[in-house]
C-alpha atoms as a PDB file:
ATOM      1  CA  MET A   1      61.734  19.363 169.292  1.00  0.00           C
ATOM      2  CA  GLN A   2      63.003  18.215 165.914  1.00  0.00           C
ATOM      3  CA  GLN A   3      65.410  20.493 164.076  1.00  0.00           C
ATOM      4  CA  SER A   4      63.948  21.860 160.853  1.00  0.00           C
ATOM      5  CA  LEU A   5      65.525  20.910 157.554  1.00  0.00           C
ATOM      6  CA  ARG A   6      65.472  23.567 154.862  1.00  0.00           C
ATOM      7  CA  ALA A   7      64.626  21.979 151.514  1.00  0.00           C
ATOM      8  CA  VAL A   8      63.780  22.978 147.955  1.00  0.00           C
ATOM      9  CA  ILE A   9      62.072  21.017 145.177  1.00  0.00           C
ATOM     10  CA  ILE A  10      63.278  21.304 141.592  1.00  0.00           C
ATOM     11  CA  ASP A  11      61.071  19.548 139.049  1.00  0.00           C
ATOM     12  CA  ASP A  12      59.521  20.637 135.746  1.00  0.00           C
ATOM     13  CA  GLU A  13      56.188  18.927 136.550  1.00  0.00           C
ATOM     14  CA  THR A  14      53.808  21.047 138.631  1.00  0.00           C
ATOM     15  CA  ASN A  15      51.846  18.014 139.807  1.00  0.00           C
ATOM     16  CA  ALA A  16      55.043  16.282 140.938  1.00  0.00           C
ATOM     17  CA  ARG A  17      56.121  19.312 142.983  1.00  0.00           C
ATOM     18  CA  GLU A  18      52.715  19.616 144.602  1.00  0.00           C
ATOM     19  CA  ALA A  19      52.506  15.896 145.399  1.00  0.00           C
ATOM     20  CA  LEU A  20      55.957  15.857 147.010  1.00  0.00           C
ATOM     21  CA  THR A  21      55.211  19.016 149.013  1.00  0.00           C
ATOM     22  CA  ASN A  22      51.994  17.515 150.372  1.00  0.00           C
ATOM     23  CA  LEU A  23      53.701  14.234 151.271  1.00  0.00           C
ATOM     24  CA  LEU A  24      56.487  16.038 153.113  1.00  0.00           C
ATOM     25  CA  ARG A  25      54.013  18.116 155.126  1.00  0.00           C
ATOM     26  CA  ILE A  26      52.210  14.983 156.265  1.00  0.00           C
ATOM     27  CA  ILE A  27      55.083  12.506 156.694  1.00  0.00           C
ATOM     28  CA  CYS A  28      58.120  14.706 157.388  1.00  0.00           C
ATOM     29  CA  PRO A  29      56.871  17.918 159.046  1.00  0.00           C
ATOM     30  CA  GLU A  30      60.419  18.710 160.123  1.00  0.00           C
ATOM     31  CA  VAL A  31      61.251  19.401 156.461  1.00  0.00           C
ATOM     32  CA  GLU A  32      60.576  23.057 155.664  1.00  0.00           C
ATOM     33  CA  ILE A  33      59.991  23.675 151.932  1.00  0.00           C
ATOM     34  CA  CYS A  34      61.752  26.958 151.253  1.00  0.00           C
ATOM     35  CA  GLY A  35      60.981  27.149 147.560  1.00  0.00           C
ATOM     36  CA  GLU A  36      60.289  25.405 144.269  1.00  0.00           C
ATOM     37  CA  ALA A  37      61.706  25.678 140.780  1.00  0.00           C
ATOM     38  CA  LYS A  38      60.530  24.279 137.442  1.00  0.00           C
ATOM     39  CA  ASN A  39      63.886  24.124 135.652  1.00  0.00           C
ATOM     40  CA  ALA A  40      67.611  23.984 136.319  1.00  0.00           C
ATOM     41  CA  ASP A  41      68.290  27.711 135.827  1.00  0.00           C
ATOM     42  CA  GLN A  42      65.579  28.674 138.312  1.00  0.00           C
ATOM     43  CA  GLY A  43      66.871  25.961 140.621  1.00  0.00           C
ATOM     44  CA  ILE A  44      70.401  27.339 140.571  1.00  0.00           C
ATOM     45  CA  GLU A  45      69.097  30.797 141.469  1.00  0.00           C
ATOM     46  CA  LEU A  46      66.846  29.387 144.195  1.00  0.00           C
ATOM     47  CA  ILE A  47      69.631  27.352 145.824  1.00  0.00           C
ATOM     48  CA  GLY A  48      71.924  30.381 145.840  1.00  0.00           C
ATOM     49  CA  LYS A  49      69.221  32.457 147.462  1.00  0.00           C
ATOM     50  CA  VAL A  50      67.819  30.192 150.203  1.00  0.00           C
ATOM     51  CA  LYS A  51      70.886  28.000 150.922  1.00  0.00           C
ATOM     52  CA  PRO A  52      68.960  24.740 151.574  1.00  0.00           C
ATOM     53  CA  ASN A  53      70.236  21.730 153.493  1.00  0.00           C
ATOM     54  CA  LEU A  54      68.494  19.356 151.109  1.00  0.00           C
ATOM     55  CA  VAL A  55      67.453  19.454 147.449  1.00  0.00           C
ATOM     56  CA  PHE A  56      64.849  17.164 145.895  1.00  0.00           C
ATOM     57  CA  LEU A  57      66.043  17.168 142.305  1.00  0.00           C
ATOM     58  CA  ASP A  58      64.503  15.766 139.136  1.00  0.00           C
ATOM     59  CA  ILE A  59      67.035  14.374 136.664  1.00  0.00           C
ATOM     60  CA  GLN A  60      65.196  14.823 133.375  1.00  0.00           C
ATOM     61  CA  MET A  61      64.019  18.370 132.737  1.00  0.00           C
ATOM     62  CA  PRO A  62      63.684  20.391 129.517  1.00  0.00           C
ATOM     63  CA  GLY A  63      66.941  22.108 128.663  1.00  0.00           C
ATOM     64  CA  LYS A  64      69.438  21.506 131.443  1.00  0.00           C
ATOM     65  CA  THR A  65      69.303  18.296 133.481  1.00  0.00           C
ATOM     66  CA  GLY A  66      69.660  17.820 137.204  1.00  0.00           C
ATOM     67  CA  PHE A  67      73.303  16.915 136.562  1.00  0.00           C
ATOM     68  CA  ASP A  68      73.851  20.223 134.756  1.00  0.00           C
ATOM     69  CA  LEU A  69      72.438  22.022 137.776  1.00  0.00           C
ATOM     70  CA  LEU A  70      74.851  20.322 140.155  1.00  0.00           C
ATOM     71  CA  ALA A  71      77.784  20.914 137.782  1.00  0.00           C
ATOM     72  CA  SER A  72      77.145  24.669 137.989  1.00  0.00           C
ATOM     73  CA  PHE A  73      78.186  24.730 141.648  1.00  0.00           C
ATOM     74  CA  GLU A  74      81.885  24.824 142.490  1.00  0.00           C
ATOM     75  CA  LYS A  75      81.021  22.908 145.653  1.00  0.00           C
ATOM     76  CA  VAL A  76      77.828  20.953 146.277  1.00  0.00           C
ATOM     77  CA  ASP A  77      77.432  21.722 149.978  1.00  0.00           C
ATOM     78  CA  PHE A  78      73.859  20.441 150.273  1.00  0.00           C
ATOM     79  CA  GLY A  79      72.302  17.003 150.284  1.00  0.00           C
ATOM     80  CA  VAL A  80      70.535  15.675 147.200  1.00  0.00           C
ATOM     81  CA  ILE A  81      67.710  13.178 146.846  1.00  0.00           C
ATOM     82  CA  PHE A  82      66.980  12.546 143.186  1.00  0.00           C
ATOM     83  CA  THR A  83      63.386  12.143 142.052  1.00  0.00           C
ATOM     84  CA  THR A  84      63.062  10.290 138.787  1.00  0.00           C
ATOM     85  CA  ALA A  85      60.721   8.426 136.475  1.00  0.00           C
ATOM     86  CA  TYR A  86      63.600   6.219 135.318  1.00  0.00           C
ATOM     87  CA  GLN A  87      62.865   2.520 135.750  1.00  0.00           C
ATOM     88  CA  GLU A  88      64.642  -0.845 135.661  1.00  0.00           C
ATOM     89  CA  TYR A  89      68.303  -0.386 134.739  1.00  0.00           C
ATOM     90  CA  ALA A  90      68.406   3.063 136.360  1.00  0.00           C
ATOM     91  CA  ILE A  91      67.839   1.512 139.773  1.00  0.00           C
ATOM     92  CA  ARG A  92      71.091  -0.400 139.242  1.00  0.00           C
ATOM     93  CA  ALA A  93      72.839   2.897 138.456  1.00  0.00           C
ATOM     94  CA  PHE A  94      71.692   4.519 141.688  1.00  0.00           C
ATOM     95  CA  ARG A  95      72.798   1.481 143.679  1.00  0.00           C
ATOM     96  CA  PHE A  96      76.215   1.555 141.973  1.00  0.00           C
ATOM     97  CA  SER A  97      76.674   5.162 143.057  1.00  0.00           C
ATOM     98  CA  ALA A  98      75.108   4.783 146.543  1.00  0.00           C
ATOM     99  CA  ILE A  99      73.050   7.935 145.904  1.00  0.00           C
ATOM    100  CA  ASP A 100      69.532   8.190 147.281  1.00  0.00           C
ATOM    101  CA  TYR A 101      66.662   8.338 144.826  1.00  0.00           C
ATOM    102  CA  LEU A 102      62.871   8.245 144.776  1.00  0.00           C
ATOM    103  CA  LEU A 103      60.955   6.721 141.886  1.00  0.00           C
ATOM    104  CA  LYS A 104      57.856   8.555 140.709  1.00  0.00           C
ATOM    105  CA  PRO A 105      55.115   8.271 141.801  1.00  0.00           C
ATOM    106  CA  ILE A 106      56.822   8.655 145.149  1.00  0.00           C
ATOM    107  CA  ASP A 107      56.033   6.083 147.799  1.00  0.00           C
ATOM    108  CA  PRO A 108      55.427   7.675 151.253  1.00  0.00           C
ATOM    109  CA  ASP A 109      57.436   5.036 153.115  1.00  0.00           C
ATOM    110  CA  GLU A 110      60.403   5.416 150.744  1.00  0.00           C
ATOM    111  CA  LEU A 111      60.257   9.191 151.144  1.00  0.00           C
ATOM    112  CA  GLN A 112      60.351   8.907 154.924  1.00  0.00           C
ATOM    113  CA  THR A 113      63.257   6.443 154.745  1.00  0.00           C
ATOM    114  CA  ALA A 114      65.252   8.725 152.420  1.00  0.00           C
ATOM    115  CA  VAL A 115      64.752  11.761 154.661  1.00  0.00           C
ATOM    116  CA  GLU A 116      65.665   9.811 157.814  1.00  0.00           C
ATOM    117  CA  LYS A 117      68.782   8.497 156.090  1.00  0.00           C
ATOM    118  CA  PHE A 118      69.777  12.017 155.093  1.00  0.00           C
ATOM    119  CA  LYS A 119      69.287  13.267 158.659  1.00  0.00           C
ATOM    120  CA  SER A 120      71.475  10.494 160.056  1.00  0.00           C
ATOM    121  CA  GLN A 121      74.378  11.280 157.741  1.00  0.00           C
ATOM    122  CA  ILE A 122      74.030  14.914 156.734  1.00  0.00           C
ATOM    123  CA  GLY A 123      76.539  15.809 154.057  1.00  0.00           C
ATOM    124  CA  SER A 124      76.953  16.661 150.418  1.00  0.00           C
ATOM    125  CA  VAL A 125      77.009  14.328 147.427  1.00  0.00           C
ATOM    126  CA  ASN A 126      80.518  13.288 146.436  1.00  0.00           C
ATOM    127  CA  PRO A 127      81.427  14.258 142.822  1.00  0.00           C
ATOM    128  CA  GLN A 128      82.678  10.707 142.254  1.00  0.00           C
ATOM    129  CA  GLN A 129      79.229   9.384 143.140  1.00  0.00           C
ATOM    130  CA  LEU A 130      77.660  11.657 140.530  1.00  0.00           C
ATOM    131  CA  GLN A 131      80.179  10.547 137.928  1.00  0.00           C
ATOM    132  CA  ILE A 132      79.445   6.872 138.594  1.00  0.00           C
ATOM    133  CA  LEU A 133      75.699   7.548 138.460  1.00  0.00           C
ATOM    134  CA  GLN A 134      75.975   9.334 135.108  1.00  0.00           C
ATOM    135  CA  GLU A 135      78.112   6.568 133.646  1.00  0.00           C
ATOM    136  CA  HIS A 136      75.550   3.918 134.530  1.00  0.00           C
ATOM    137  CA  LEU A 137      72.521   5.999 133.552  1.00  0.00           C
ATOM    138  CA  ASP A 138      73.716   6.094 129.930  1.00  0.00           C
ATOM    139  CA  PRO A 139      70.821   4.475 128.000  1.00  0.00           C
ATOM    140  CA  ALA A 140      73.363   2.860 125.681  1.00  0.00           C
ATOM    141  CA  LYS A 141      74.521   0.815 128.655  1.00  0.00           C
ATOM    142  CA  SER A 142      71.108  -0.624 129.428  1.00  0.00           C
ATOM    143  CA  PRO A 143      71.319  -4.348 130.257  1.00  0.00           C
ATOM    144  CA  ARG A 144      68.475  -4.844 127.808  1.00  0.00           C
ATOM    145  CA  LEU A 145      70.946  -4.038 125.046  1.00  0.00           C
ATOM    146  CA  ILE A 146      73.998  -5.993 126.149  1.00  0.00           C
ATOM    147  CA  GLN A 147      74.274  -9.112 128.250  1.00  0.00           C
ATOM    148  CA  ARG A 148      77.598  -8.659 129.974  1.00  0.00           C
ATOM    149  CA  LYS A 149      80.171  -5.876 130.115  1.00  0.00           C
ATOM    150  CA  ARG A 150      83.822  -6.095 131.004  1.00  0.00           C
ATOM    151  CA  ASN A 151      84.692  -4.942 134.513  1.00  0.00           C
ATOM    152  CA  GLU A 152      87.456  -2.628 133.262  1.00  0.00           C
ATOM    153  CA  ASN A 153      87.267   1.097 134.039  1.00  0.00           C
ATOM    154  CA  GLN A 154      84.134   0.596 136.118  1.00  0.00           C
ATOM    155  CA  ARG A 155      83.813   1.741 139.707  1.00  0.00           C
ATOM    156  CA  ILE A 156      81.305   1.111 142.436  1.00  0.00           C
ATOM    157  CA  ALA A 157      80.561   3.191 145.536  1.00  0.00           C
ATOM    158  CA  LEU A 158      80.472   1.166 148.759  1.00  0.00           C
ATOM    159  CA  PRO A 159      78.886   3.009 151.708  1.00  0.00           C
ATOM    160  CA  THR A 160      80.114   2.097 155.182  1.00  0.00           C
ATOM    161  CA  ALA A 161      79.884   3.621 158.638  1.00  0.00           C
ATOM    162  CA  GLU A 162      83.271   5.278 158.039  1.00  0.00           C
ATOM    163  CA  GLY A 163      82.308   6.830 154.705  1.00  0.00           C
ATOM    164  CA  ILE A 164      82.013   5.940 151.026  1.00  0.00           C
ATOM    165  CA  HIS A 165      84.696   3.809 149.401  1.00  0.00           C
ATOM    166  CA  PHE A 166      85.181   4.058 145.627  1.00  0.00           C
ATOM    167  CA  VAL A 167      86.435   0.740 144.325  1.00  0.00           C
ATOM    168  CA  GLN A 168      87.545  -0.392 140.871  1.00  0.00           C
ATOM    169  CA  MET A 169      85.507  -3.460 139.985  1.00  0.00           C
ATOM    170  CA  THR A 170      88.625  -5.204 138.696  1.00  0.00           C
ATOM    171  CA  ASP A 171      89.976  -4.993 142.268  1.00  0.00           C
ATOM    172  CA  ILE A 172      87.050  -6.973 143.715  1.00  0.00           C
ATOM    173  CA  ILE A 173      87.924 -10.665 144.100  1.00  0.00           C
ATOM    174  CA  GLN A 174      84.662 -11.788 145.650  1.00  0.00           C
ATOM    175  CA  CYS A 175      81.673 -10.645 147.681  1.00  0.00           C
ATOM    176  CA  GLU A 176      80.829 -12.744 150.721  1.00  0.00           C
ATOM    177  CA  SER A 177      77.526 -12.840 152.596  1.00  0.00           C
ATOM    178  CA  LEU A 178      77.713 -12.069 156.313  1.00  0.00           C
ATOM    179  CA  GLY A 179      74.024 -12.254 157.167  1.00  0.00           C
ATOM    180  CA  SER A 180      72.580  -8.798 156.499  1.00  0.00           C
ATOM    181  CA  TYR A 181      76.040  -7.523 155.511  1.00  0.00           C
ATOM    182  CA  THR A 182      78.249  -8.065 152.451  1.00  0.00           C
ATOM    183  CA  LYS A 183      82.024  -8.331 152.704  1.00  0.00           C
ATOM    184  CA  PHE A 184      84.080  -7.230 149.684  1.00  0.00           C
ATOM    185  CA  HIS A 185      87.432  -9.014 149.373  1.00  0.00           C
ATOM    186  CA  LEU A 186      89.871  -6.813 147.451  1.00  0.00           C
ATOM    187  CA  VAL A 187      93.177  -7.193 145.655  1.00  0.00           C
ATOM    188  CA  LYS A 188      94.812  -4.615 147.920  1.00  0.00           C
ATOM    189  CA  GLY A 189      93.970  -3.331 151.353  1.00  0.00           C
ATOM    190  CA  PRO A 190      91.527  -4.599 153.967  1.00  0.00           C
ATOM    191  CA  ALA A 191      88.121  -6.010 153.084  1.00  0.00           C
ATOM    192  CA  ILE A 192      85.155  -3.614 153.063  1.00  0.00           C
ATOM    193  CA  VAL A 193      81.942  -4.548 154.868  1.00  0.00           C
ATOM    194  CA  VAL A 194      78.695  -2.933 153.675  1.00  0.00           C
ATOM    195  CA  SER A 195      75.327  -3.030 155.418  1.00  0.00           C
ATOM    196  CA  ARG A 196      73.490  -4.526 152.433  1.00  0.00           C
ATOM    197  CA  LEU A 197      72.389  -8.021 151.520  1.00  0.00           C
ATOM    198  CA  LEU A 198      74.416 -10.065 149.052  1.00  0.00           C
ATOM    199  CA  LYS A 199      71.267 -10.365 146.934  1.00  0.00           C
ATOM    200  CA  GLU A 200      71.303  -6.606 146.328  1.00  0.00           C
ATOM    201  CA  TYR A 201      74.821  -6.806 144.947  1.00  0.00           C
ATOM    202  CA  GLU A 202      73.900  -9.843 142.888  1.00  0.00           C
ATOM    203  CA  GLU A 203      71.328  -7.623 141.141  1.00  0.00           C
ATOM    204  CA  ILE A 204      73.748  -4.701 140.816  1.00  0.00           C
ATOM    205  CA  LEU A 205      76.602  -6.784 139.363  1.00  0.00           C
ATOM    206  CA  ASP A 206      74.449  -9.006 137.167  1.00  0.00           C
ATOM    207  CA  ASN A 207      75.395  -7.096 134.009  1.00  0.00           C
ATOM    208  CA  PHE A 208      79.127  -7.665 134.506  1.00  0.00           C
ATOM    209  CA  TYR A 209      81.423 -10.661 134.766  1.00  0.00           C
ATOM    210  CA  PHE A 210      80.457 -11.478 138.331  1.00  0.00           C
ATOM    211  CA  PHE A 211      78.515 -14.594 139.250  1.00  0.00           C
ATOM    212  CA  ARG A 212      76.859 -15.903 142.387  1.00  0.00           C
ATOM    213  CA  VAL A 213      78.342 -19.390 142.514  1.00  0.00           C
ATOM    214  CA  HIS A 214      76.906 -20.181 145.915  1.00  0.00           C
ATOM    215  CA  GLN A 215      74.408 -18.878 148.456  1.00  0.00           C
ATOM    216  CA  SER A 216      77.221 -17.066 150.241  1.00  0.00           C
ATOM    217  CA  ASN A 217      79.542 -15.949 147.442  1.00  0.00           C
ATOM    218  CA  ILE A 218      79.634 -13.789 144.327  1.00  0.00           C
ATOM    219  CA  ILE A 219      82.936 -14.093 142.482  1.00  0.00           C
ATOM    220  CA  ASN A 220      84.717 -11.952 139.920  1.00  0.00           C
ATOM    221  CA  LEU A 221      85.488 -14.194 136.947  1.00  0.00           C
ATOM    222  CA  GLU A 222      88.631 -12.175 136.237  1.00  0.00           C
ATOM    223  CA  HIS A 223      90.156 -13.494 139.471  1.00  0.00           C
ATOM    224  CA  ILE A 224      89.599 -17.221 138.911  1.00  0.00           C
ATOM    225  CA  LYS A 225      92.890 -19.124 138.865  1.00  0.00           C
ATOM    226  CA  ARG A 226      91.495 -22.612 138.520  1.00  0.00           C
ATOM    227  CA  TYR A 227      88.235 -24.556 138.398  1.00  0.00           C
ATOM    228  CA  VAL A 228      88.188 -28.028 139.920  1.00  0.00           C
ATOM    229  CA  LYS A 229      85.468 -30.374 138.683  1.00  0.00           C
ATOM    230  CA  GLY A 230      83.138 -32.043 141.135  1.00  0.00           C
ATOM    231  CA  ASP A 231      79.486 -32.284 142.067  1.00  0.00           C
ATOM    232  CA  GLY A 232      79.330 -28.535 141.662  1.00  0.00           C
ATOM    233  CA  GLY A 233      83.044 -27.994 141.667  1.00  0.00           C
ATOM    234  CA  GLN A 234      85.300 -25.452 143.321  1.00  0.00           C
ATOM    235  CA  VAL A 235      87.069 -22.347 142.114  1.00  0.00           C
ATOM    236  CA  TRP A 236      90.445 -21.161 143.314  1.00  0.00           C
ATOM    237  CA  MET A 237      90.665 -17.369 143.371  1.00  0.00           C
ATOM    238  CA  SER A 238      93.654 -15.082 142.909  1.00  0.00           C
ATOM    239  CA  ASP A 239      93.993 -14.663 146.678  1.00  0.00           C
ATOM    240  CA  ASN A 240      94.234 -18.465 147.033  1.00  0.00           C
ATOM    241  CA  THR A 241      90.793 -18.851 148.582  1.00  0.00           C
ATOM    242  CA  GLU A 242      88.713 -21.873 147.568  1.00  0.00           C
ATOM    243  CA  ILE A 243      85.008 -21.324 146.944  1.00  0.00           C
ATOM    244  CA  GLU A 244      82.409 -23.989 146.368  1.00  0.00           C
ATOM    245  CA  VAL A 245      80.183 -23.868 143.274  1.00  0.00           C
ATOM    246  CA  SER A 246      76.579 -24.839 143.916  1.00  0.00           C
ATOM    247  CA  ARG A 247      75.480 -27.873 141.907  1.00  0.00           C
ATOM    248  CA  ARG A 248      72.381 -26.087 140.617  1.00  0.00           C
ATOM    249  CA  ARG A 249      74.444 -23.099 139.479  1.00  0.00           C
ATOM    250  CA  LYS A 250      77.219 -25.135 137.844  1.00  0.00           C
ATOM    251  CA  ASP A 251      75.968 -25.193 134.237  1.00  0.00           C
ATOM    252  CA  GLU A 252      75.159 -21.484 134.150  1.00  0.00           C
ATOM    253  CA  PHE A 253      78.511 -20.690 135.736  1.00  0.00           C
ATOM    254  CA  LEU A 254      80.515 -22.749 133.246  1.00  0.00           C
ATOM    255  CA  ALA A 255      78.615 -21.201 130.321  1.00  0.00           C
ATOM    256  CA  LEU A 256      79.379 -17.694 131.588  1.00  0.00           C
ATOM    257  CA  LEU A 257      83.000 -18.619 132.258  1.00  0.00           C
ATOM    258  CA  SER A 258      83.341 -19.826 128.661  1.00  0.00           C
ATOM    259  CA  ASP A 259      81.762 -16.607 127.411  1.00  0.00           C
ATOM    260  CA  PHE A 260      84.161 -14.564 129.529  1.00  0.00           C
ATOM    261  CA  TYR A 261      87.228 -16.304 128.125  1.00  0.00           C
ATOM    262  CA  VAL A 262      86.013 -15.923 124.548  1.00  0.00           C
ATOM    263  CA  ASN A 263      85.271 -12.196 124.939  1.00  0.00           C
ATOM    264  CA  SER A 264      88.426 -11.454 126.913  1.00  0.00           C
ATOM    265  CA  GLY A 265      90.768 -13.316 124.596  1.00  0.00           C
ATOM    266  CA  LYS A 266      91.873 -15.529 127.485  1.00  0.00           C
ATOM    267  CA  LEU A 267      90.953 -18.862 125.969  1.00  0.00           C
ATOM    268  CA  LYS A 268      93.018 -21.644 127.500  1.00  0.00           C
END
């Protein structure tokens, strides 16, 4: 017999609450809905009263946001799956923070996956994850408005079997494909291996000075020591590794490299 999960739904849209409740009853009967709330203040009261394991939380609500709700708790000792109508660049923000989310209208398969993931790693949301999510959800940082941002003062959450690692993007030398895994080579400490495809991180890092120079490698332009001309060429990184540049990616890479040096004041 499956153990019941106590959950609450906090969303200002009545239809959204009803739709999610019905989906959970059909797809995830082990999830017991212990209550609903239509705004953050009611949600805070509800959570304090029923002590849920899991909260389905809308981000955008009139008055206080989902972030304001979480900030009201001294300790977030329950799991959170965000439900949101955000599109495009927001998906990048959730991936940066490694926080689970469901886009409205909610897809049944994605709902089931999110609940199963929560059950396999029951725990609370780390405050650093929320901070990273908020930073990247800032509409002013939408990639539609700026092409590339410097890597400084930016962090990314990397989920592994051992836990979540919070890494400064300036400390990432390169990301290497290991089949269905991605290996992060860092300035200090051992490499971090994440169970995600390199393509996912190519999409996440596309708005920064990272570039996929080859099928197997994404490099941080800040760590290039030297570029050697050739058919595609090779780059020497700060850790003395040599990485091949694909011939078909060469022109785009050199254009971005030039842009990086101009914007960073590192013209040679």
